[in-house]
Amino acid sequence: MLGGRRVLIIVSPSHVQSAAQVAASLADRCVGSYDKVVQHVPAAIASAGVAHARSVEADACIAIGGGSAIGLAKAIALETGLPIIAVPTTYSGSEMTAVWGITTDGVKRTGKDEKVLPRCVVYDAELTATLPAKIAGPSGMNALAHLVEGLYAQNANPMMSTLAQDGVRAIARALPRVCANQADLDAQEEMLYGACLAGILLGSTGMSLHHKLCHTLGGTFNTPHAETHAIVLPYATAFNLPAATDARHRLTVALGTEAIASTIHALGAAVGAPRSLRELGLNREDLDRAAEIATRTPYFNPRPVTREAIRQLLEDAYNGVAPSP
């Protein structure tokens, strides 16, 4: 498909067996697997991956795993231009975007570059059927966050908003089912459909407060990516929806209720996602620093962002209290 003669497989450590099967099928066209994958793609990890790809003279990458594996492949592609085939094993949606992220000195930087957009994405429900519920739940909430923020993006449009609304409906329906029964392939396929739409929204619209907070918490305090999204989402949603009429209407239709933020909060609890930032190891004194970093640089958000308001949002998320409008 890519004409690659020296293919490097970037793989999450939990999927080395799948990588071995792919390597066997590629035979002498594979130059090996690389599993030095770390969440949030620290700059040192990215540099080491680039150096390895160059040392084996790779001319293409296959990324097998979750957002961290795909993120490392993107970091390599950003420097080398190597084409990527993505085989996602979670619901992060990163595989559908030209967005990259690299963490340097505790600050996560993101950007867009068509070089990192995978040329091909392979969705396989049998791969996500190996996800334990403790990973599937937060991963699905991560995908849901892309859809919710896409609905009130500065460049939101009717086409993307229609996709987002359908993605929210699919994930809200399928995520509890895959967490209850990993082997439900119909539910897995519906989740992958929702995750694909989430990736399209992430790549096609701007993200706002929710993603800014999650990148701050992950990049500065090394909180786990999907779990952070799962915790923060209902609070960021409650904060923004009063200033986002169309998003509020579409989410009401998709979820079948006007109690949007509390329904998202309850969904996270139902699928076993952590419910408070305290559970991720944050200390209360970290919240001041997080609020300062998250409001340091202006960015679009449907509702004005102040340090005091974000500090209170983080306090609520730290305690895990039910979000209020």
C-alpha atoms as a PDB file:
ATOM      1  CA  MET A   1       0.000   0.000   0.000  1.00  0.00           C
ATOM      2  CA  LEU A   2       2.806   2.440   0.939  1.00  0.00           C
ATOM      3  CA  GLY A   3       5.487   0.721  -1.070  1.00  0.00           C
ATOM      4  CA  GLY A   4       7.549   0.309   2.089  1.00  0.00           C
ATOM      5  CA  ARG A   5      10.479  -2.092   1.915  1.00  0.00           C
ATOM      6  CA  ARG A   6      11.780  -1.437   5.446  1.00  0.00           C
ATOM      7  CA  VAL A   7       8.789  -1.238   7.760  1.00  0.00           C
ATOM      8  CA  LEU A   8       9.225  -0.451  11.451  1.00  0.00           C
ATOM      9  CA  ILE A   9       6.457  -1.544  13.819  1.00  0.00           C
ATOM     10  CA  ILE A  10       5.765   0.804  16.738  1.00  0.00           C
ATOM     11  CA  VAL A  11       3.847  -1.182  19.329  1.00  0.00           C
ATOM     12  CA  SER A  12       2.428  -0.828  22.813  1.00  0.00           C
ATOM     13  CA  PRO A  13       4.094  -3.408  25.100  1.00  0.00           C
ATOM     14  CA  SER A  14       0.725  -5.098  25.658  1.00  0.00           C
ATOM     15  CA  HIS A  15       0.418  -5.889  21.943  1.00  0.00           C
ATOM     16  CA  VAL A  16       3.804  -7.376  21.150  1.00  0.00           C
ATOM     17  CA  GLN A  17       2.143 -10.633  20.098  1.00  0.00           C
ATOM     18  CA  SER A  18       0.059  -8.821  17.477  1.00  0.00           C
ATOM     19  CA  ALA A  19       3.218  -7.046  16.331  1.00  0.00           C
ATOM     20  CA  ALA A  20       4.980 -10.398  15.983  1.00  0.00           C
ATOM     21  CA  GLN A  21       2.171 -11.659  13.747  1.00  0.00           C
ATOM     22  CA  VAL A  22       2.409  -8.556  11.557  1.00  0.00           C
ATOM     23  CA  ALA A  23       6.190  -8.859  11.426  1.00  0.00           C
ATOM     24  CA  ALA A  24       5.912 -12.489  10.334  1.00  0.00           C
ATOM     25  CA  SER A  25       3.515 -11.568   7.547  1.00  0.00           C
ATOM     26  CA  LEU A  26       5.878  -8.835   6.345  1.00  0.00           C
ATOM     27  CA  ALA A  27       8.866 -11.191   6.459  1.00  0.00           C
ATOM     28  CA  ASP A  28      12.024  -9.439   5.233  1.00  0.00           C
ATOM     29  CA  ARG A  29      10.135  -6.182   4.657  1.00  0.00           C
ATOM     30  CA  CYS A  30      10.031  -5.664   8.433  1.00  0.00           C
ATOM     31  CA  VAL A  31      13.047  -4.147  10.184  1.00  0.00           C
ATOM     32  CA  GLY A  32      11.732  -4.959  13.649  1.00  0.00           C
ATOM     33  CA  SER A  33       9.423  -3.791  16.415  1.00  0.00           C
ATOM     34  CA  TYR A  34       9.976  -0.900  18.785  1.00  0.00           C
ATOM     35  CA  ASP A  35       8.046  -0.852  22.076  1.00  0.00           C
ATOM     36  CA  LYS A  36       9.602   2.051  23.993  1.00  0.00           C
ATOM     37  CA  VAL A  37       6.193   3.682  24.240  1.00  0.00           C
ATOM     38  CA  VAL A  38       5.398   6.177  27.029  1.00  0.00           C
ATOM     39  CA  GLN A  39       2.214   8.186  27.540  1.00  0.00           C
ATOM     40  CA  HIS A  40       2.258  11.876  26.606  1.00  0.00           C
ATOM     41  CA  VAL A  41       5.313  11.179  24.361  1.00  0.00           C
ATOM     42  CA  PRO A  42       8.136  12.756  26.383  1.00  0.00           C
ATOM     43  CA  ALA A  43      10.645  14.551  24.167  1.00  0.00           C
ATOM     44  CA  ALA A  44      13.429  12.122  25.093  1.00  0.00           C
ATOM     45  CA  ILE A  45      11.264   9.157  24.063  1.00  0.00           C
ATOM     46  CA  ALA A  46      10.383  10.885  20.785  1.00  0.00           C
ATOM     47  CA  SER A  47      14.055  11.589  20.049  1.00  0.00           C
ATOM     48  CA  ALA A  48      15.036   7.999  20.810  1.00  0.00           C
ATOM     49  CA  GLY A  49      12.281   6.730  18.503  1.00  0.00           C
ATOM     50  CA  VAL A  50      13.447   8.992  15.688  1.00  0.00           C
ATOM     51  CA  ALA A  51      17.032   7.831  16.170  1.00  0.00           C
ATOM     52  CA  HIS A  52      15.983   4.175  16.098  1.00  0.00           C
ATOM     53  CA  ALA A  53      13.906   4.624  12.934  1.00  0.00           C
ATOM     54  CA  ARG A  54      16.879   6.244  11.238  1.00  0.00           C
ATOM     55  CA  SER A  55      19.303   3.601  12.487  1.00  0.00           C
ATOM     56  CA  VAL A  56      17.300   0.795  10.874  1.00  0.00           C
ATOM     57  CA  GLU A  57      16.676   2.915   7.758  1.00  0.00           C
ATOM     58  CA  ALA A  58      12.896   2.517   8.057  1.00  0.00           C
ATOM     59  CA  ASP A  59      10.806   3.827   5.163  1.00  0.00           C
ATOM     60  CA  ALA A  60       7.358   3.289   6.749  1.00  0.00           C
ATOM     61  CA  CYS A  61       5.767   2.724  10.172  1.00  0.00           C
ATOM     62  CA  ILE A  62       2.947   0.526  11.383  1.00  0.00           C
ATOM     63  CA  ALA A  63       1.635   1.692  14.764  1.00  0.00           C
ATOM     64  CA  ILE A  64      -0.194  -0.961  16.801  1.00  0.00           C
ATOM     65  CA  GLY A  65      -1.688   0.086  20.113  1.00  0.00           C
ATOM     66  CA  GLY A  66      -3.394   2.962  21.837  1.00  0.00           C
ATOM     67  CA  GLY A  67      -2.876   6.682  21.574  1.00  0.00           C
ATOM     68  CA  SER A  68       0.624   6.519  23.066  1.00  0.00           C
ATOM     69  CA  ALA A  69       1.921   4.118  20.385  1.00  0.00           C
ATOM     70  CA  ILE A  70       0.286   6.124  17.628  1.00  0.00           C
ATOM     71  CA  GLY A  71       1.610   9.303  19.254  1.00  0.00           C
ATOM     72  CA  LEU A  72       5.174   7.992  19.148  1.00  0.00           C
ATOM     73  CA  ALA A  73       4.768   7.009  15.489  1.00  0.00           C
ATOM     74  CA  LYS A  74       3.553  10.543  14.813  1.00  0.00           C
ATOM     75  CA  ALA A  75       6.562  12.022  16.601  1.00  0.00           C
ATOM     76  CA  ILE A  76       8.815   9.910  14.371  1.00  0.00           C
ATOM     77  CA  ALA A  77       6.885  10.931  11.257  1.00  0.00           C
ATOM     78  CA  LEU A  78       7.076  14.596  12.252  1.00  0.00           C
ATOM     79  CA  GLU A  79      10.868  14.448  12.024  1.00  0.00           C
ATOM     80  CA  THR A  80      11.344  11.878   9.265  1.00  0.00           C
ATOM     81  CA  GLY A  81       8.233  12.089   7.081  1.00  0.00           C
ATOM     82  CA  LEU A  82       7.733   8.307   7.302  1.00  0.00           C
ATOM     83  CA  PRO A  83       4.194   7.254   6.294  1.00  0.00           C
ATOM     84  CA  ILE A  84       2.089   5.580   8.998  1.00  0.00           C
ATOM     85  CA  ILE A  85      -0.430   2.757   8.984  1.00  0.00           C
ATOM     86  CA  ALA A  86      -2.349   2.884  12.278  1.00  0.00           C
ATOM     87  CA  VAL A  87      -3.938  -0.136  13.940  1.00  0.00           C
ATOM     88  CA  PRO A  88      -5.670   1.301  17.033  1.00  0.00           C
ATOM     89  CA  THR A  89      -6.390  -0.974  19.967  1.00  0.00           C
ATOM     90  CA  THR A  90      -8.194   1.629  22.082  1.00  0.00           C
ATOM     91  CA  TYR A  91     -10.797   4.309  21.344  1.00  0.00           C
ATOM     92  CA  SER A  92      -8.549   7.387  21.515  1.00  0.00           C
ATOM     93  CA  GLY A  93      -9.280   8.562  17.953  1.00  0.00           C
ATOM     94  CA  SER A  94      -5.738   9.872  17.459  1.00  0.00           C
ATOM     95  CA  GLU A  95      -5.383   7.699  14.382  1.00  0.00           C
ATOM     96  CA  MET A  96      -7.795   9.938  12.448  1.00  0.00           C
ATOM     97  CA  THR A  97      -5.930  13.183  13.046  1.00  0.00           C
ATOM     98  CA  ALA A  98      -2.903  15.173  11.945  1.00  0.00           C
ATOM     99  CA  VAL A  99      -2.484  16.290  15.566  1.00  0.00           C
ATOM    100  CA  TRP A 100       0.776  15.481  17.350  1.00  0.00           C
ATOM    101  CA  GLY A 101       1.755  15.985  20.978  1.00  0.00           C
ATOM    102  CA  ILE A 102       5.165  15.962  22.676  1.00  0.00           C
ATOM    103  CA  THR A 103       5.924  16.737  26.324  1.00  0.00           C
ATOM    104  CA  THR A 104       9.002  18.833  27.070  1.00  0.00           C
ATOM    105  CA  ASP A 105      10.036  19.900  30.588  1.00  0.00           C
ATOM    106  CA  GLY A 106       6.607  19.095  31.971  1.00  0.00           C
ATOM    107  CA  VAL A 107       4.676  21.027  29.318  1.00  0.00           C
ATOM    108  CA  LYS A 108       2.779  19.197  26.610  1.00  0.00           C
ATOM    109  CA  ARG A 109       2.929  20.909  23.225  1.00  0.00           C
ATOM    110  CA  THR A 110       0.543  20.009  20.432  1.00  0.00           C
ATOM    111  CA  GLY A 111       0.384  20.933  16.777  1.00  0.00           C
ATOM    112  CA  LYS A 112      -0.956  19.869  13.410  1.00  0.00           C
ATOM    113  CA  ASP A 113       1.057  18.600  10.475  1.00  0.00           C
ATOM    114  CA  GLU A 114      -0.208  16.490   7.583  1.00  0.00           C
ATOM    115  CA  LYS A 115       3.014  14.476   7.753  1.00  0.00           C
ATOM    116  CA  VAL A 116       1.745  12.715  10.869  1.00  0.00           C
ATOM    117  CA  LEU A 117      -1.731  11.848   9.563  1.00  0.00           C
ATOM    118  CA  PRO A 118      -1.829   8.048   9.091  1.00  0.00           C
ATOM    119  CA  ARG A 119      -2.228   7.045   5.448  1.00  0.00           C
ATOM    120  CA  CYS A 120      -4.410   4.096   6.407  1.00  0.00           C
ATOM    121  CA  VAL A 121      -6.303   3.076   9.546  1.00  0.00           C
ATOM    122  CA  VAL A 122      -7.285  -0.533  10.273  1.00  0.00           C
ATOM    123  CA  TYR A 123     -10.124  -1.011  12.764  1.00  0.00           C
ATOM    124  CA  ASP A 124     -10.526  -4.536  14.129  1.00  0.00           C
ATOM    125  CA  ALA A 125     -13.157  -5.232  16.780  1.00  0.00           C
ATOM    126  CA  GLU A 126     -11.295  -8.356  17.865  1.00  0.00           C
ATOM    127  CA  LEU A 127      -8.315  -6.218  18.916  1.00  0.00           C
ATOM    128  CA  THR A 128     -10.387  -3.929  21.135  1.00  0.00           C
ATOM    129  CA  ALA A 129     -12.147  -7.013  22.515  1.00  0.00           C
ATOM    130  CA  THR A 130      -8.955  -7.690  24.476  1.00  0.00           C
ATOM    131  CA  LEU A 131      -9.300  -4.401  26.387  1.00  0.00           C
ATOM    132  CA  PRO A 132     -10.132  -4.883  30.059  1.00  0.00           C
ATOM    133  CA  ALA A 133     -12.980  -2.691  31.292  1.00  0.00           C
ATOM    134  CA  LYS A 134     -10.623  -0.575  33.426  1.00  0.00           C
ATOM    135  CA  ILE A 135      -8.942   0.570  30.183  1.00  0.00           C
ATOM    136  CA  ALA A 136     -11.949   0.496  27.854  1.00  0.00           C
ATOM    137  CA  GLY A 137     -14.056   2.733  30.097  1.00  0.00           C
ATOM    138  CA  PRO A 138     -11.645   5.685  30.323  1.00  0.00           C
ATOM    139  CA  SER A 139     -10.632   5.250  26.672  1.00  0.00           C
ATOM    140  CA  GLY A 140     -14.251   5.542  25.572  1.00  0.00           C
ATOM    141  CA  MET A 141     -14.723   8.634  27.738  1.00  0.00           C
ATOM    142  CA  ASN A 142     -11.644  10.113  26.070  1.00  0.00           C
ATOM    143  CA  ALA A 143     -13.314   9.653  22.680  1.00  0.00           C
ATOM    144  CA  LEU A 144     -16.519  11.173  24.029  1.00  0.00           C
ATOM    145  CA  ALA A 145     -14.551  14.272  25.057  1.00  0.00           C
ATOM    146  CA  HIS A 146     -13.452  14.897  21.460  1.00  0.00           C
ATOM    147  CA  LEU A 147     -17.067  14.795  20.318  1.00  0.00           C
ATOM    148  CA  VAL A 148     -18.376  17.072  23.059  1.00  0.00           C
ATOM    149  CA  GLU A 149     -15.709  19.715  22.498  1.00  0.00           C
ATOM    150  CA  GLY A 150     -16.157  19.513  18.736  1.00  0.00           C
ATOM    151  CA  LEU A 151     -19.783  20.561  19.211  1.00  0.00           C
ATOM    152  CA  TYR A 152     -18.867  23.948  20.659  1.00  0.00           C
ATOM    153  CA  ALA A 153     -15.631  24.531  18.750  1.00  0.00           C
ATOM    154  CA  GLN A 154     -14.928  27.935  17.254  1.00  0.00           C
ATOM    155  CA  ASN A 155     -15.026  26.350  13.786  1.00  0.00           C
ATOM    156  CA  ALA A 156     -17.959  24.018  14.460  1.00  0.00           C
ATOM    157  CA  ASN A 157     -20.195  23.486  11.450  1.00  0.00           C
ATOM    158  CA  PRO A 158     -23.416  21.559  10.765  1.00  0.00           C
ATOM    159  CA  MET A 159     -21.642  18.608   9.112  1.00  0.00           C
ATOM    160  CA  MET A 160     -19.132  18.060  11.913  1.00  0.00           C
ATOM    161  CA  SER A 161     -21.798  18.666  14.562  1.00  0.00           C
ATOM    162  CA  THR A 162     -24.040  16.028  13.003  1.00  0.00           C
ATOM    163  CA  LEU A 163     -21.155  13.537  13.099  1.00  0.00           C
ATOM    164  CA  ALA A 164     -20.440  14.491  16.717  1.00  0.00           C
ATOM    165  CA  GLN A 165     -24.049  14.020  17.745  1.00  0.00           C
ATOM    166  CA  ASP A 166     -24.130  10.542  16.204  1.00  0.00           C
ATOM    167  CA  GLY A 167     -20.796   9.678  17.788  1.00  0.00           C
ATOM    168  CA  VAL A 168     -22.045  10.680  21.249  1.00  0.00           C
ATOM    169  CA  ARG A 169     -25.134   8.530  20.763  1.00  0.00           C
ATOM    170  CA  ALA A 170     -23.043   5.537  19.668  1.00  0.00           C
ATOM    171  CA  ILE A 171     -20.555   5.760  22.528  1.00  0.00           C
ATOM    172  CA  ALA A 172     -23.194   6.346  25.208  1.00  0.00           C
ATOM    173  CA  ARG A 173     -24.971   3.217  24.010  1.00  0.00           C
ATOM    174  CA  ALA A 174     -21.980   0.958  23.310  1.00  0.00           C
ATOM    175  CA  LEU A 175     -19.467   1.801  26.028  1.00  0.00           C
ATOM    176  CA  PRO A 176     -21.377   0.227  28.938  1.00  0.00           C
ATOM    177  CA  ARG A 177     -21.882  -2.874  26.803  1.00  0.00           C
ATOM    178  CA  VAL A 178     -18.204  -3.365  25.927  1.00  0.00           C
ATOM    179  CA  CYS A 179     -17.249  -2.807  29.558  1.00  0.00           C
ATOM    180  CA  ALA A 180     -19.774  -5.408  30.673  1.00  0.00           C
ATOM    181  CA  ASN A 181     -18.805  -7.912  27.981  1.00  0.00           C
ATOM    182  CA  GLN A 182     -15.543  -7.524  26.071  1.00  0.00           C
ATOM    183  CA  ALA A 183     -16.575 -10.249  23.615  1.00  0.00           C
ATOM    184  CA  ASP A 184     -19.646  -8.343  22.375  1.00  0.00           C
ATOM    185  CA  LEU A 185     -18.275  -7.637  18.906  1.00  0.00           C
ATOM    186  CA  ASP A 186     -21.390  -5.743  17.806  1.00  0.00           C
ATOM    187  CA  ALA A 187     -20.857  -3.318  20.678  1.00  0.00           C
ATOM    188  CA  GLN A 188     -17.128  -3.169  19.904  1.00  0.00           C
ATOM    189  CA  GLU A 189     -17.873  -2.230  16.304  1.00  0.00           C
ATOM    190  CA  GLU A 190     -20.267   0.493  17.437  1.00  0.00           C
ATOM    191  CA  MET A 191     -17.607   1.810  19.817  1.00  0.00           C
ATOM    192  CA  LEU A 192     -15.038   1.888  17.017  1.00  0.00           C
ATOM    193  CA  TYR A 193     -17.530   3.767  14.858  1.00  0.00           C
ATOM    194  CA  GLY A 194     -17.957   6.345  17.624  1.00  0.00           C
ATOM    195  CA  ALA A 195     -14.199   6.508  18.168  1.00  0.00           C
ATOM    196  CA  CYS A 196     -13.606   7.067  14.463  1.00  0.00           C
ATOM    197  CA  LEU A 197     -16.080   9.955  14.470  1.00  0.00           C
ATOM    198  CA  ALA A 198     -14.377  11.312  17.589  1.00  0.00           C
ATOM    199  CA  GLY A 199     -11.056  11.262  15.769  1.00  0.00           C
ATOM    200  CA  ILE A 200     -12.565  13.072  12.803  1.00  0.00           C
ATOM    201  CA  LEU A 201     -13.868  15.792  15.136  1.00  0.00           C
ATOM    202  CA  LEU A 202     -10.533  16.042  16.912  1.00  0.00           C
ATOM    203  CA  GLY A 203      -8.762  16.494  13.602  1.00  0.00           C
ATOM    204  CA  SER A 204     -11.314  18.802  11.985  1.00  0.00           C
ATOM    205  CA  THR A 205     -12.401  21.195  14.730  1.00  0.00           C
ATOM    206  CA  GLY A 206     -10.661  23.124  17.462  1.00  0.00           C
ATOM    207  CA  MET A 207     -10.579  21.891  21.032  1.00  0.00           C
ATOM    208  CA  SER A 208     -11.165  24.139  24.039  1.00  0.00           C
ATOM    209  CA  LEU A 209     -11.064  24.184  27.833  1.00  0.00           C
ATOM    210  CA  HIS A 210     -11.445  20.457  28.422  1.00  0.00           C
ATOM    211  CA  HIS A 211      -8.437  19.510  26.316  1.00  0.00           C
ATOM    212  CA  LYS A 212      -6.388  22.404  27.685  1.00  0.00           C
ATOM    213  CA  LEU A 213      -6.974  21.152  31.220  1.00  0.00           C
ATOM    214  CA  CYS A 214      -6.193  17.545  30.318  1.00  0.00           C
ATOM    215  CA  HIS A 215      -2.989  18.484  28.512  1.00  0.00           C
ATOM    216  CA  THR A 216      -1.965  20.572  31.518  1.00  0.00           C
ATOM    217  CA  LEU A 217      -2.641  17.784  33.996  1.00  0.00           C
ATOM    218  CA  GLY A 218      -1.038  15.113  31.844  1.00  0.00           C
ATOM    219  CA  GLY A 219       1.971  17.083  30.696  1.00  0.00           C
ATOM    220  CA  THR A 220       2.799  18.733  34.020  1.00  0.00           C
ATOM    221  CA  PHE A 221       1.684  16.120  36.552  1.00  0.00           C
ATOM    222  CA  ASN A 222       1.909  12.984  34.369  1.00  0.00           C
ATOM    223  CA  THR A 223      -1.662  11.922  35.075  1.00  0.00           C
ATOM    224  CA  PRO A 224      -2.866   9.041  32.873  1.00  0.00           C
ATOM    225  CA  HIS A 225      -4.308  10.369  29.626  1.00  0.00           C
ATOM    226  CA  ALA A 226      -7.662   8.641  29.235  1.00  0.00           C
ATOM    227  CA  GLU A 227      -8.459   8.643  32.953  1.00  0.00           C
ATOM    228  CA  THR A 228      -7.829  12.394  33.115  1.00  0.00           C
ATOM    229  CA  HIS A 229     -10.249  12.958  30.232  1.00  0.00           C
ATOM    230  CA  ALA A 230     -12.849  10.761  31.924  1.00  0.00           C
ATOM    231  CA  ILE A 231     -12.676  12.770  35.151  1.00  0.00           C
ATOM    232  CA  VAL A 232     -12.531  16.296  33.727  1.00  0.00           C
ATOM    233  CA  LEU A 233     -15.148  15.941  30.968  1.00  0.00           C
ATOM    234  CA  PRO A 234     -18.377  16.356  32.988  1.00  0.00           C
ATOM    235  CA  TYR A 235     -16.999  19.450  34.771  1.00  0.00           C
ATOM    236  CA  ALA A 236     -15.764  21.143  31.602  1.00  0.00           C
ATOM    237  CA  THR A 237     -19.089  20.301  29.970  1.00  0.00           C
ATOM    238  CA  ALA A 238     -21.086  21.807  32.830  1.00  0.00           C
ATOM    239  CA  PHE A 239     -18.911  24.926  32.650  1.00  0.00           C
ATOM    240  CA  ASN A 240     -19.280  25.466  28.899  1.00  0.00           C
ATOM    241  CA  LEU A 241     -22.796  24.378  27.945  1.00  0.00           C
ATOM    242  CA  PRO A 242     -24.572  27.493  29.298  1.00  0.00           C
ATOM    243  CA  ALA A 243     -22.706  29.401  26.562  1.00  0.00           C
ATOM    244  CA  ALA A 244     -23.167  26.770  23.825  1.00  0.00           C
ATOM    245  CA  THR A 245     -26.827  26.531  22.806  1.00  0.00           C
ATOM    246  CA  ASP A 246     -26.463  24.290  19.741  1.00  0.00           C
ATOM    247  CA  ALA A 247     -24.123  21.901  21.548  1.00  0.00           C
ATOM    248  CA  ARG A 248     -26.547  21.698  24.457  1.00  0.00           C
ATOM    249  CA  HIS A 249     -29.435  20.877  22.120  1.00  0.00           C
ATOM    250  CA  ARG A 250     -27.512  18.205  20.206  1.00  0.00           C
ATOM    251  CA  LEU A 251     -26.223  16.552  23.372  1.00  0.00           C
ATOM    252  CA  THR A 252     -29.744  16.535  24.809  1.00  0.00           C
ATOM    253  CA  VAL A 253     -30.937  14.668  21.715  1.00  0.00           C
ATOM    254  CA  ALA A 254     -27.987  12.260  21.666  1.00  0.00           C
ATOM    255  CA  LEU A 255     -28.159  11.418  25.366  1.00  0.00           C
ATOM    256  CA  GLY A 256     -31.930  11.613  25.742  1.00  0.00           C
ATOM    257  CA  THR A 257     -31.774  14.008  28.680  1.00  0.00           C
ATOM    258  CA  GLU A 258     -31.228  17.661  29.528  1.00  0.00           C
ATOM    259  CA  ALA A 259     -29.065  16.657  32.515  1.00  0.00           C
ATOM    260  CA  ILE A 260     -26.031  16.404  30.263  1.00  0.00           C
ATOM    261  CA  ALA A 261     -23.089  16.891  32.615  1.00  0.00           C
ATOM    262  CA  SER A 262     -24.494  14.656  35.347  1.00  0.00           C
ATOM    263  CA  THR A 263     -25.314  11.982  32.747  1.00  0.00           C
ATOM    264  CA  ILE A 264     -21.717  12.055  31.476  1.00  0.00           C
ATOM    265  CA  HIS A 265     -20.517  11.866  35.084  1.00  0.00           C
ATOM    266  CA  ALA A 266     -22.765   8.863  35.714  1.00  0.00           C
ATOM    267  CA  LEU A 267     -21.587   7.188  32.488  1.00  0.00           C
ATOM    268  CA  GLY A 268     -17.981   7.445  33.685  1.00  0.00           C
ATOM    269  CA  ALA A 269     -18.962   5.844  36.982  1.00  0.00           C
ATOM    270  CA  ALA A 270     -20.941   3.103  35.221  1.00  0.00           C
ATOM    271  CA  VAL A 271     -17.952   2.053  33.114  1.00  0.00           C
ATOM    272  CA  GLY A 272     -15.520   2.062  36.036  1.00  0.00           C
ATOM    273  CA  ALA A 273     -13.550   5.201  35.190  1.00  0.00           C
ATOM    274  CA  PRO A 274     -11.999   7.028  38.158  1.00  0.00           C
ATOM    275  CA  ARG A 275     -14.179   9.827  39.442  1.00  0.00           C
ATOM    276  CA  SER A 276     -11.754  12.276  41.045  1.00  0.00           C
ATOM    277  CA  LEU A 277      -8.366  13.831  40.385  1.00  0.00           C
ATOM    278  CA  ARG A 278      -7.414  12.781  43.900  1.00  0.00           C
ATOM    279  CA  GLU A 279      -7.565   9.160  42.703  1.00  0.00           C
ATOM    280  CA  LEU A 280      -4.876   9.963  40.117  1.00  0.00           C
ATOM    281  CA  GLY A 281      -2.435  11.045  42.812  1.00  0.00           C
ATOM    282  CA  LEU A 282      -2.798  14.816  42.534  1.00  0.00           C
ATOM    283  CA  ASN A 283      -2.436  16.910  45.664  1.00  0.00           C
ATOM    284  CA  ARG A 284      -4.719  19.838  46.403  1.00  0.00           C
ATOM    285  CA  GLU A 285      -1.780  22.245  46.164  1.00  0.00           C
ATOM    286  CA  ASP A 286      -1.247  21.080  42.561  1.00  0.00           C
ATOM    287  CA  LEU A 287      -4.575  22.637  41.586  1.00  0.00           C
ATOM    288  CA  ASP A 288      -3.304  26.200  41.911  1.00  0.00           C
ATOM    289  CA  ARG A 289      -0.443  25.512  39.541  1.00  0.00           C
ATOM    290  CA  ALA A 290      -2.720  23.671  37.104  1.00  0.00           C
ATOM    291  CA  ALA A 291      -5.200  26.568  37.051  1.00  0.00           C
ATOM    292  CA  GLU A 292      -2.376  29.042  36.435  1.00  0.00           C
ATOM    293  CA  ILE A 293      -0.910  27.026  33.551  1.00  0.00           C
ATOM    294  CA  ALA A 294      -4.313  26.367  31.974  1.00  0.00           C
ATOM    295  CA  THR A 295      -5.163  30.086  31.910  1.00  0.00           C
ATOM    296  CA  ARG A 296      -1.703  31.453  31.124  1.00  0.00           C
ATOM    297  CA  THR A 297      -2.202  31.651  27.342  1.00  0.00           C
ATOM    298  CA  PRO A 298      -5.464  32.817  25.706  1.00  0.00           C
ATOM    299  CA  TYR A 299      -7.401  30.295  23.606  1.00  0.00           C
ATOM    300  CA  PHE A 300     -10.925  29.997  22.273  1.00  0.00           C
ATOM    301  CA  ASN A 301     -13.594  28.762  24.653  1.00  0.00           C
ATOM    302  CA  PRO A 302     -17.343  29.381  24.384  1.00  0.00           C
ATOM    303  CA  ARG A 303     -17.428  30.761  27.917  1.00  0.00           C
ATOM    304  CA  PRO A 304     -14.795  33.215  29.216  1.00  0.00           C
ATOM    305  CA  VAL A 305     -12.056  31.497  31.180  1.00  0.00           C
ATOM    306  CA  THR A 306     -10.767  32.979  34.435  1.00  0.00           C
ATOM    307  CA  ARG A 307      -8.230  31.542  36.810  1.00  0.00           C
ATOM    308  CA  GLU A 308     -10.709  31.642  39.693  1.00  0.00           C
ATOM    309  CA  ALA A 309     -13.404  29.748  37.767  1.00  0.00           C
ATOM    310  CA  ILE A 310     -10.969  27.109  36.550  1.00  0.00           C
ATOM    311  CA  ARG A 311      -9.543  26.689  40.037  1.00  0.00           C
ATOM    312  CA  GLN A 312     -13.060  25.944  41.286  1.00  0.00           C
ATOM    313  CA  LEU A 313     -13.669  23.527  38.400  1.00  0.00           C
ATOM    314  CA  LEU A 314     -10.479  21.677  39.310  1.00  0.00           C
ATOM    315  CA  GLU A 315     -11.474  21.637  42.979  1.00  0.00           C
ATOM    316  CA  ASP A 316     -14.776  19.960  42.085  1.00  0.00           C
ATOM    317  CA  ALA A 317     -12.972  17.443  39.868  1.00  0.00           C
ATOM    318  CA  TYR A 318     -10.436  16.811  42.624  1.00  0.00           C
ATOM    319  CA  ASN A 319     -13.217  15.963  45.060  1.00  0.00           C
ATOM    320  CA  GLY A 320     -15.310  14.070  42.509  1.00  0.00           C
ATOM    321  CA  VAL A 321     -18.523  15.875  43.468  1.00  0.00           C
ATOM    322  CA  ALA A 322     -21.436  15.719  41.031  1.00  0.00           C
ATOM    323  CA  PRO A 323     -21.063  18.566  38.502  1.00  0.00           C
ATOM    324  CA  SER A 324     -23.534  21.400  38.721  1.00  0.00           C
ATOM    325  CA  PRO A 325     -24.558  23.651  35.799  1.00  0.00           C
END
